[in-house]
Amino acid sequence: MKEKRTIMAMPVVIEVNDLNVTVGDFEEIFSFLRGIDDRFSVYKKDSEISKYNDGEITENDLSNEMREVLNLSQQTKEETNGFFDIVHNGRIDPSGIVKGLAIYKAAEIIKKKGFKNFYVEIAGDIEIAGLNNENKKWAIGIRNPFNRAENVKIVYLTDCGIATSGTYENGEHIYIPGQEKKANEIISLTVIGPNVYEADRFATACFAMGKKGINFLEQLSGFEGYMVDHEGISTFTSNFEKYTKQ
C-alpha cells in the first residue's frame, strides 16, 4: 500500500509492502509528521521553535523532542568542524536536521507496528527497510540536477537512509557557517548512511563544505556520497558504486 500527502509544504510518500497494513496505520504516521511540523516550523508563529526564537518560552520550557534536536545539532556542529550550524542571524532554524529526524522517527513507528518492508520519503530524503513489492532492494533514483526529469544514478538500497542537499530544488538555501553567505560551490550532494537522519545531517554539512565535502565523507565510516558540481562533473566516494548493483 502506498499513500502520499503534502506536509511541511513538501511531498510525503509512504509505502508499506507487508500484509495487514491499513489506511489507519498510514494516517497515524501522517498525523505524527504534521505534529513535527507544528513543533519545528520556523514559518508558524505558534510553533515551539518560533516561540523560543521570539523569547516567549525559555530553555527550561522546551520539550524533550526540541532538546533532542538541539543536542543533535550541536553534536553535528562539533563533528563537522562547524560546517553544520542551525543558528543564523541570531535565530535557530533546525530545518537542516528536522526532516531527516522526522522520517527516521516515522520509520521507527512503522517498525514497532511489526512491518518490515517499507520506505518513508519526504522530498527525496528516504528511510528504506526490507524489500520492495518485487522482493528486491528498493531502487532509488539520484536526480540529475540539470534535468529533474531524469536520474544520473540508480542505487539499490535496503535498511539504510539516503538524503540529498542541493541548490536545484529550492535554490541557494544552505549557509556557510561563520561566513553569512550561501553555499554554492557544488550543485548536488547525495549521502547514503546507516539511517536517514544521519545521512541528512551530514548531507547538509558536507554541502556547505563545497568540493571538500566529498573528501569528508570519504573519511566517515559507514557513509558513501555522490557529488555533482556546476560543470556536471560527478565525484563519488570509493565504495559508492556498490550501491549501483542490485
C-alpha atoms as a PDB file:
ATOM      1  CA  MET A   1       0.000   0.000   0.000  1.00  0.00           C
ATOM      2  CA  LYS A   2       1.256   3.438  -0.902  1.00  0.00           C
ATOM      3  CA  GLU A   3      -0.038   6.823   0.222  1.00  0.00           C
ATOM      4  CA  LYS A   4       1.033  10.410  -0.458  1.00  0.00           C
ATOM      5  CA  ARG A   5       0.337  13.672   1.381  1.00  0.00           C
ATOM      6  CA  THR A   6       1.740  17.205   1.499  1.00  0.00           C
ATOM      7  CA  ILE A   7       3.217  18.051   4.907  1.00  0.00           C
ATOM      8  CA  MET A   8       5.782  20.722   5.800  1.00  0.00           C
ATOM      9  CA  ALA A   9       4.954  22.106   2.341  1.00  0.00           C
ATOM     10  CA  MET A  10       6.725  19.053   0.906  1.00  0.00           C
ATOM     11  CA  PRO A  11       5.576  15.792  -0.691  1.00  0.00           C
ATOM     12  CA  VAL A  12       5.484  12.881   1.758  1.00  0.00           C
ATOM     13  CA  VAL A  13       5.305   9.333   0.389  1.00  0.00           C
ATOM     14  CA  ILE A  14       4.979   6.170   2.440  1.00  0.00           C
ATOM     15  CA  GLU A  15       4.881   2.667   1.002  1.00  0.00           C
ATOM     16  CA  VAL A  16       4.488  -0.495   3.069  1.00  0.00           C
ATOM     17  CA  ASN A  17       4.700  -3.890   1.405  1.00  0.00           C
ATOM     18  CA  ASP A  18       3.554  -6.037   4.308  1.00  0.00           C
ATOM     19  CA  LEU A  19       0.223  -7.768   4.841  1.00  0.00           C
ATOM     20  CA  ASN A  20      -2.319  -6.299   7.253  1.00  0.00           C
ATOM     21  CA  VAL A  21      -1.240  -2.680   6.807  1.00  0.00           C
ATOM     22  CA  THR A  22      -4.257  -0.377   6.924  1.00  0.00           C
ATOM     23  CA  VAL A  23      -5.169   3.160   5.974  1.00  0.00           C
ATOM     24  CA  GLY A  24      -5.287   3.863   9.693  1.00  0.00           C
ATOM     25  CA  ASP A  25      -1.628   2.938  10.018  1.00  0.00           C
ATOM     26  CA  PHE A  26      -0.770   5.468   7.330  1.00  0.00           C
ATOM     27  CA  GLU A  27      -2.897   8.191   8.877  1.00  0.00           C
ATOM     28  CA  GLU A  28      -1.161   7.699  12.224  1.00  0.00           C
ATOM     29  CA  ILE A  29       2.214   8.328  10.570  1.00  0.00           C
ATOM     30  CA  PHE A  30       0.970  11.347   8.643  1.00  0.00           C
ATOM     31  CA  SER A  31      -0.523  12.760  11.861  1.00  0.00           C
ATOM     32  CA  PHE A  32       2.832  12.297  13.603  1.00  0.00           C
ATOM     33  CA  LEU A  33       4.611  14.196  10.815  1.00  0.00           C
ATOM     34  CA  ARG A  34       2.086  17.042  10.994  1.00  0.00           C
ATOM     35  CA  GLY A  35       2.888  17.273  14.705  1.00  0.00           C
ATOM     36  CA  ILE A  36       6.592  17.577  13.889  1.00  0.00           C
ATOM     37  CA  ASP A  37       5.802  20.427  11.504  1.00  0.00           C
ATOM     38  CA  ASP A  38       3.660  22.164  14.127  1.00  0.00           C
ATOM     39  CA  ARG A  39       6.530  21.970  16.621  1.00  0.00           C
ATOM     40  CA  PHE A  40       9.561  22.797  14.449  1.00  0.00           C
ATOM     41  CA  SER A  41       8.346  25.006  11.602  1.00  0.00           C
ATOM     42  CA  VAL A  42      10.016  28.416  11.602  1.00  0.00           C
ATOM     43  CA  TYR A  43       7.172  29.641   9.381  1.00  0.00           C
ATOM     44  CA  LYS A  44       4.475  29.076  12.005  1.00  0.00           C
ATOM     45  CA  LYS A  45       4.351  31.794  14.652  1.00  0.00           C
ATOM     46  CA  ASP A  46       2.814  29.453  17.228  1.00  0.00           C
ATOM     47  CA  SER A  47       5.329  26.630  16.768  1.00  0.00           C
ATOM     48  CA  GLU A  48       7.626  25.775  19.658  1.00  0.00           C
ATOM     49  CA  ILE A  49      10.735  26.856  17.747  1.00  0.00           C
ATOM     50  CA  SER A  50       9.171  30.219  16.833  1.00  0.00           C
ATOM     51  CA  LYS A  51       8.126  30.837  20.425  1.00  0.00           C
ATOM     52  CA  TYR A  52      11.662  30.010  21.567  1.00  0.00           C
ATOM     53  CA  ASN A  53      13.199  32.313  18.965  1.00  0.00           C
ATOM     54  CA  ASP A  54      10.793  35.093  19.940  1.00  0.00           C
ATOM     55  CA  GLY A  55      11.542  34.723  23.652  1.00  0.00           C
ATOM     56  CA  GLU A  56       8.014  33.588  24.537  1.00  0.00           C
ATOM     57  CA  ILE A  57       9.402  30.443  26.142  1.00  0.00           C
ATOM     58  CA  THR A  58      12.798  29.699  27.715  1.00  0.00           C
ATOM     59  CA  GLU A  59      15.156  26.746  27.523  1.00  0.00           C
ATOM     60  CA  ASN A  60      13.510  25.332  30.635  1.00  0.00           C
ATOM     61  CA  ASP A  61      10.202  25.179  28.780  1.00  0.00           C
ATOM     62  CA  LEU A  62      11.466  23.153  25.808  1.00  0.00           C
ATOM     63  CA  SER A  63      10.012  19.749  25.001  1.00  0.00           C
ATOM     64  CA  ASN A  64      12.138  16.619  25.020  1.00  0.00           C
ATOM     65  CA  GLU A  65      11.851  16.496  21.219  1.00  0.00           C
ATOM     66  CA  MET A  66      13.221  20.038  20.908  1.00  0.00           C
ATOM     67  CA  ARG A  67      16.070  19.276  23.275  1.00  0.00           C
ATOM     68  CA  GLU A  68      16.915  16.194  21.224  1.00  0.00           C
ATOM     69  CA  VAL A  69      17.128  18.245  18.021  1.00  0.00           C
ATOM     70  CA  LEU A  70      19.215  20.991  19.634  1.00  0.00           C
ATOM     71  CA  ASN A  71      21.606  18.456  21.170  1.00  0.00           C
ATOM     72  CA  LEU A  72      21.968  16.542  17.908  1.00  0.00           C
ATOM     73  CA  SER A  73      22.576  19.805  16.064  1.00  0.00           C
ATOM     74  CA  GLN A  74      25.360  20.743  18.478  1.00  0.00           C
ATOM     75  CA  GLN A  75      26.867  17.264  18.122  1.00  0.00           C
ATOM     76  CA  THR A  76      26.802  17.588  14.333  1.00  0.00           C
ATOM     77  CA  LYS A  77      28.422  21.021  14.512  1.00  0.00           C
ATOM     78  CA  GLU A  78      31.288  19.559  16.526  1.00  0.00           C
ATOM     79  CA  GLU A  79      31.644  16.503  14.272  1.00  0.00           C
ATOM     80  CA  THR A  80      31.833  18.656  11.119  1.00  0.00           C
ATOM     81  CA  ASN A  81      34.233  21.304  12.405  1.00  0.00           C
ATOM     82  CA  GLY A  82      31.487  23.906  12.498  1.00  0.00           C
ATOM     83  CA  PHE A  83      30.095  23.320   8.994  1.00  0.00           C
ATOM     84  CA  PHE A  84      26.694  22.497  10.450  1.00  0.00           C
ATOM     85  CA  ASP A  85      25.081  25.317  12.387  1.00  0.00           C
ATOM     86  CA  ILE A  86      21.360  25.858  12.931  1.00  0.00           C
ATOM     87  CA  VAL A  87      21.843  29.433  14.187  1.00  0.00           C
ATOM     88  CA  HIS A  88      21.565  32.136  11.524  1.00  0.00           C
ATOM     89  CA  ASN A  89      21.110  35.861  12.143  1.00  0.00           C
ATOM     90  CA  GLY A  90      20.542  35.153  15.814  1.00  0.00           C
ATOM     91  CA  ARG A  91      17.666  32.734  15.227  1.00  0.00           C
ATOM     92  CA  ILE A  92      17.514  28.956  15.343  1.00  0.00           C
ATOM     93  CA  ASP A  93      16.399  27.150  12.194  1.00  0.00           C
ATOM     94  CA  PRO A  94      16.602  23.355  12.608  1.00  0.00           C
ATOM     95  CA  SER A  95      15.365  22.618   9.074  1.00  0.00           C
ATOM     96  CA  GLY A  96      18.696  21.015   8.146  1.00  0.00           C
ATOM     97  CA  ILE A  97      18.160  18.231  10.645  1.00  0.00           C
ATOM     98  CA  VAL A  98      14.432  18.012  11.401  1.00  0.00           C
ATOM     99  CA  LYS A  99      13.366  16.458   8.094  1.00  0.00           C
ATOM    100  CA  GLY A 100      15.728  13.522   8.430  1.00  0.00           C
ATOM    101  CA  LEU A 101      14.866  13.011  12.082  1.00  0.00           C
ATOM    102  CA  ALA A 102      11.120  13.143  11.292  1.00  0.00           C
ATOM    103  CA  ILE A 103      11.486  10.483   8.588  1.00  0.00           C
ATOM    104  CA  TYR A 104      13.573   8.308  10.878  1.00  0.00           C
ATOM    105  CA  LYS A 105      11.093   8.506  13.753  1.00  0.00           C
ATOM    106  CA  ALA A 106       8.178   7.811  11.395  1.00  0.00           C
ATOM    107  CA  ALA A 107      10.023   4.707  10.214  1.00  0.00           C
ATOM    108  CA  GLU A 108      10.541   3.636  13.820  1.00  0.00           C
ATOM    109  CA  ILE A 109       6.777   3.832  14.404  1.00  0.00           C
ATOM    110  CA  ILE A 110       6.209   1.619  11.364  1.00  0.00           C
ATOM    111  CA  LYS A 111       8.757  -0.906  12.649  1.00  0.00           C
ATOM    112  CA  LYS A 112       7.049  -1.016  16.048  1.00  0.00           C
ATOM    113  CA  LYS A 113       3.854  -1.998  14.250  1.00  0.00           C
ATOM    114  CA  GLY A 114       5.688  -5.075  13.011  1.00  0.00           C
ATOM    115  CA  PHE A 115       6.146  -4.034   9.369  1.00  0.00           C
ATOM    116  CA  LYS A 116       9.486  -4.891   7.815  1.00  0.00           C
ATOM    117  CA  ASN A 117       9.328  -3.804   4.153  1.00  0.00           C
ATOM    118  CA  PHE A 118       8.707  -0.107   3.591  1.00  0.00           C
ATOM    119  CA  TYR A 119      10.084   3.295   2.762  1.00  0.00           C
ATOM    120  CA  VAL A 120       9.298   6.755   4.088  1.00  0.00           C
ATOM    121  CA  GLU A 121      10.164   9.728   1.902  1.00  0.00           C
ATOM    122  CA  ILE A 122       9.950  13.472   2.368  1.00  0.00           C
ATOM    123  CA  ALA A 123      11.051  15.487  -0.667  1.00  0.00           C
ATOM    124  CA  GLY A 124      13.659  12.959  -1.800  1.00  0.00           C
ATOM    125  CA  ASP A 125      15.120  12.026   1.593  1.00  0.00           C
ATOM    126  CA  ILE A 126      14.252   8.415   2.371  1.00  0.00           C
ATOM    127  CA  GLU A 127      14.443   5.760   5.065  1.00  0.00           C
ATOM    128  CA  ILE A 128      14.415   2.308   3.495  1.00  0.00           C
ATOM    129  CA  ALA A 129      13.686  -1.042   5.141  1.00  0.00           C
ATOM    130  CA  GLY A 130      13.450  -4.567   3.795  1.00  0.00           C
ATOM    131  CA  LEU A 131      12.461  -5.217   0.179  1.00  0.00           C
ATOM    132  CA  ASN A 132      10.051  -3.758  -2.386  1.00  0.00           C
ATOM    133  CA  ASN A 133       6.949  -5.443  -3.805  1.00  0.00           C
ATOM    134  CA  GLU A 134       9.117  -7.432  -6.227  1.00  0.00           C
ATOM    135  CA  ASN A 135      11.109  -8.842  -3.301  1.00  0.00           C
ATOM    136  CA  LYS A 136      14.158  -6.855  -4.396  1.00  0.00           C
ATOM    137  CA  LYS A 137      16.132  -3.980  -2.917  1.00  0.00           C
ATOM    138  CA  TRP A 138      14.467  -0.611  -3.314  1.00  0.00           C
ATOM    139  CA  ALA A 139      15.561   1.209  -6.470  1.00  0.00           C
ATOM    140  CA  ILE A 140      16.139   4.894  -5.665  1.00  0.00           C
ATOM    141  CA  GLY A 141      16.988   7.482  -8.303  1.00  0.00           C
ATOM    142  CA  ILE A 142      19.501  10.275  -7.755  1.00  0.00           C
ATOM    143  CA  ARG A 143      18.086  13.170  -9.720  1.00  0.00           C
ATOM    144  CA  ASN A 144      20.042  14.959 -12.421  1.00  0.00           C
ATOM    145  CA  PRO A 145      20.355  18.497 -11.005  1.00  0.00           C
ATOM    146  CA  PHE A 146      20.403  19.909 -14.544  1.00  0.00           C
ATOM    147  CA  ASN A 147      17.309  17.980 -15.674  1.00  0.00           C
ATOM    148  CA  ARG A 148      14.960  16.969 -12.903  1.00  0.00           C
ATOM    149  CA  ALA A 149      13.045  14.693 -15.272  1.00  0.00           C
ATOM    150  CA  GLU A 150      15.918  12.197 -15.300  1.00  0.00           C
ATOM    151  CA  ASN A 151      18.266  10.442 -12.913  1.00  0.00           C
ATOM    152  CA  VAL A 152      22.049  10.418 -13.019  1.00  0.00           C
ATOM    153  CA  LYS A 153      22.242   7.235 -10.962  1.00  0.00           C
ATOM    154  CA  ILE A 154      20.022   4.460  -9.660  1.00  0.00           C
ATOM    155  CA  VAL A 155      21.023   2.965  -6.328  1.00  0.00           C
ATOM    156  CA  TYR A 156      19.640  -0.216  -4.785  1.00  0.00           C
ATOM    157  CA  LEU A 157      19.145   0.035  -1.059  1.00  0.00           C
ATOM    158  CA  THR A 158      17.826  -1.773   1.979  1.00  0.00           C
ATOM    159  CA  ASP A 159      17.895  -0.945   5.680  1.00  0.00           C
ATOM    160  CA  CYS A 160      19.565   2.441   5.378  1.00  0.00           C
ATOM    161  CA  GLY A 161      18.891   6.097   4.630  1.00  0.00           C
ATOM    162  CA  ILE A 162      19.595   8.425   1.727  1.00  0.00           C
ATOM    163  CA  ALA A 163      19.486  12.222   1.646  1.00  0.00           C
ATOM    164  CA  THR A 164      20.384  14.892  -0.887  1.00  0.00           C
ATOM    165  CA  SER A 165      21.309  18.542  -0.403  1.00  0.00           C
ATOM    166  CA  GLY A 166      21.406  20.852  -3.392  1.00  0.00           C
ATOM    167  CA  THR A 167      20.509  24.157  -4.987  1.00  0.00           C
ATOM    168  CA  TYR A 168      18.481  22.800  -7.898  1.00  0.00           C
ATOM    169  CA  GLU A 169      15.254  22.235  -5.941  1.00  0.00           C
ATOM    170  CA  ASN A 170      14.966  25.192  -3.528  1.00  0.00           C
ATOM    171  CA  GLY A 171      17.726  27.479  -4.757  1.00  0.00           C
ATOM    172  CA  GLU A 172      20.633  28.518  -2.558  1.00  0.00           C
ATOM    173  CA  HIS A 173      19.426  27.947   0.995  1.00  0.00           C
ATOM    174  CA  ILE A 174      22.349  26.436   2.939  1.00  0.00           C
ATOM    175  CA  TYR A 175      24.613  28.957   4.649  1.00  0.00           C
ATOM    176  CA  ILE A 176      28.344  28.535   5.175  1.00  0.00           C
ATOM    177  CA  PRO A 177      28.678  28.878   8.956  1.00  0.00           C
ATOM    178  CA  GLY A 178      30.696  31.877  10.076  1.00  0.00           C
ATOM    179  CA  GLN A 179      30.656  33.485   6.638  1.00  0.00           C
ATOM    180  CA  GLU A 180      26.997  34.512   6.395  1.00  0.00           C
ATOM    181  CA  LYS A 181      26.906  33.564   2.729  1.00  0.00           C
ATOM    182  CA  LYS A 182      25.103  30.786   0.970  1.00  0.00           C
ATOM    183  CA  ALA A 183      26.911  27.648  -0.159  1.00  0.00           C
ATOM    184  CA  ASN A 184      27.022  27.305  -3.942  1.00  0.00           C
ATOM    185  CA  GLU A 185      30.371  25.744  -4.854  1.00  0.00           C
ATOM    186  CA  ILE A 186      28.612  22.495  -5.828  1.00  0.00           C
ATOM    187  CA  ILE A 187      25.095  21.838  -7.048  1.00  0.00           C
ATOM    188  CA  SER A 188      24.168  18.497  -5.505  1.00  0.00           C
ATOM    189  CA  LEU A 189      25.428  16.101  -2.842  1.00  0.00           C
ATOM    190  CA  THR A 190      23.769  12.780  -2.014  1.00  0.00           C
ATOM    191  CA  VAL A 191      24.673  10.816   1.107  1.00  0.00           C
ATOM    192  CA  ILE A 192      23.862   7.191   1.921  1.00  0.00           C
ATOM    193  CA  GLY A 193      24.173   6.342   5.600  1.00  0.00           C
ATOM    194  CA  PRO A 194      23.005   3.903   8.272  1.00  0.00           C
ATOM    195  CA  ASN A 195      19.734   5.808   8.561  1.00  0.00           C
ATOM    196  CA  VAL A 196      18.179   8.886   7.044  1.00  0.00           C
ATOM    197  CA  TYR A 197      18.758  11.334   9.880  1.00  0.00           C
ATOM    198  CA  GLU A 198      22.472  10.523   9.859  1.00  0.00           C
ATOM    199  CA  ALA A 199      22.540  10.879   6.062  1.00  0.00           C
ATOM    200  CA  ASP A 200      20.537  14.118   6.192  1.00  0.00           C
ATOM    201  CA  ARG A 201      22.625  15.938   8.783  1.00  0.00           C
ATOM    202  CA  PHE A 202      25.893  15.092   7.059  1.00  0.00           C
ATOM    203  CA  ALA A 203      24.486  15.925   3.614  1.00  0.00           C
ATOM    204  CA  THR A 204      23.707  19.447   4.822  1.00  0.00           C
ATOM    205  CA  ALA A 205      27.126  19.910   6.425  1.00  0.00           C
ATOM    206  CA  CYS A 206      29.080  18.427   3.529  1.00  0.00           C
ATOM    207  CA  PHE A 207      27.212  20.578   1.026  1.00  0.00           C
ATOM    208  CA  ALA A 208      28.309  23.643   2.997  1.00  0.00           C
ATOM    209  CA  MET A 209      31.903  22.394   2.710  1.00  0.00           C
ATOM    210  CA  GLY A 210      31.683  22.574  -1.091  1.00  0.00           C
ATOM    211  CA  LYS A 211      34.011  20.287  -3.032  1.00  0.00           C
ATOM    212  CA  LYS A 212      35.766  19.297   0.184  1.00  0.00           C
ATOM    213  CA  GLY A 213      32.546  17.681   1.401  1.00  0.00           C
ATOM    214  CA  ILE A 214      33.054  14.505  -0.607  1.00  0.00           C
ATOM    215  CA  ASN A 215      36.507  14.128   0.956  1.00  0.00           C
ATOM    216  CA  PHE A 216      34.969  14.475   4.423  1.00  0.00           C
ATOM    217  CA  LEU A 217      32.529  11.681   3.559  1.00  0.00           C
ATOM    218  CA  GLU A 218      35.351   9.500   2.281  1.00  0.00           C
ATOM    219  CA  GLN A 219      36.811   9.527   5.790  1.00  0.00           C
ATOM    220  CA  LEU A 220      33.450   8.990   7.533  1.00  0.00           C
ATOM    221  CA  SER A 221      32.902   5.335   8.394  1.00  0.00           C
ATOM    222  CA  GLY A 222      29.575   3.879   7.234  1.00  0.00           C
ATOM    223  CA  PHE A 223      28.785   6.618   4.704  1.00  0.00           C
ATOM    224  CA  GLU A 224      29.047   6.984   0.942  1.00  0.00           C
ATOM    225  CA  GLY A 225      28.414  10.054  -1.207  1.00  0.00           C
ATOM    226  CA  TYR A 226      27.819  11.271  -4.755  1.00  0.00           C
ATOM    227  CA  MET A 227      28.591  14.914  -5.654  1.00  0.00           C
ATOM    228  CA  VAL A 228      27.780  16.923  -8.793  1.00  0.00           C
ATOM    229  CA  ASP A 229      29.468  20.274  -9.449  1.00  0.00           C
ATOM    230  CA  HIS A 230      28.375  23.148 -11.674  1.00  0.00           C
ATOM    231  CA  GLU A 231      30.219  21.699 -14.672  1.00  0.00           C
ATOM    232  CA  GLY A 232      28.231  18.483 -14.355  1.00  0.00           C
ATOM    233  CA  ILE A 233      31.262  16.545 -13.142  1.00  0.00           C
ATOM    234  CA  SER A 234      30.410  13.776 -10.686  1.00  0.00           C
ATOM    235  CA  THR A 235      32.689  12.724  -7.853  1.00  0.00           C
ATOM    236  CA  PHE A 236      31.845   9.880  -5.515  1.00  0.00           C
ATOM    237  CA  THR A 237      33.341   8.036  -2.575  1.00  0.00           C
ATOM    238  CA  SER A 238      35.375   4.909  -3.145  1.00  0.00           C
ATOM    239  CA  ASN A 239      32.671   2.406  -2.167  1.00  0.00           C
ATOM    240  CA  PHE A 240      29.656   4.267  -3.557  1.00  0.00           C
ATOM    241  CA  GLU A 241      29.316   2.046  -6.620  1.00  0.00           C
ATOM    242  CA  LYS A 242      28.487  -0.991  -4.507  1.00  0.00           C
ATOM    243  CA  TYR A 243      25.013   0.532  -4.252  1.00  0.00           C
ATOM    244  CA  THR A 244      24.573   0.680  -8.025  1.00  0.00           C
ATOM    245  CA  LYS A 245      24.329  -3.121  -8.271  1.00  0.00           C
ATOM    246  CA  GLN A 246      21.133  -4.984  -7.471  1.00  0.00           C
END
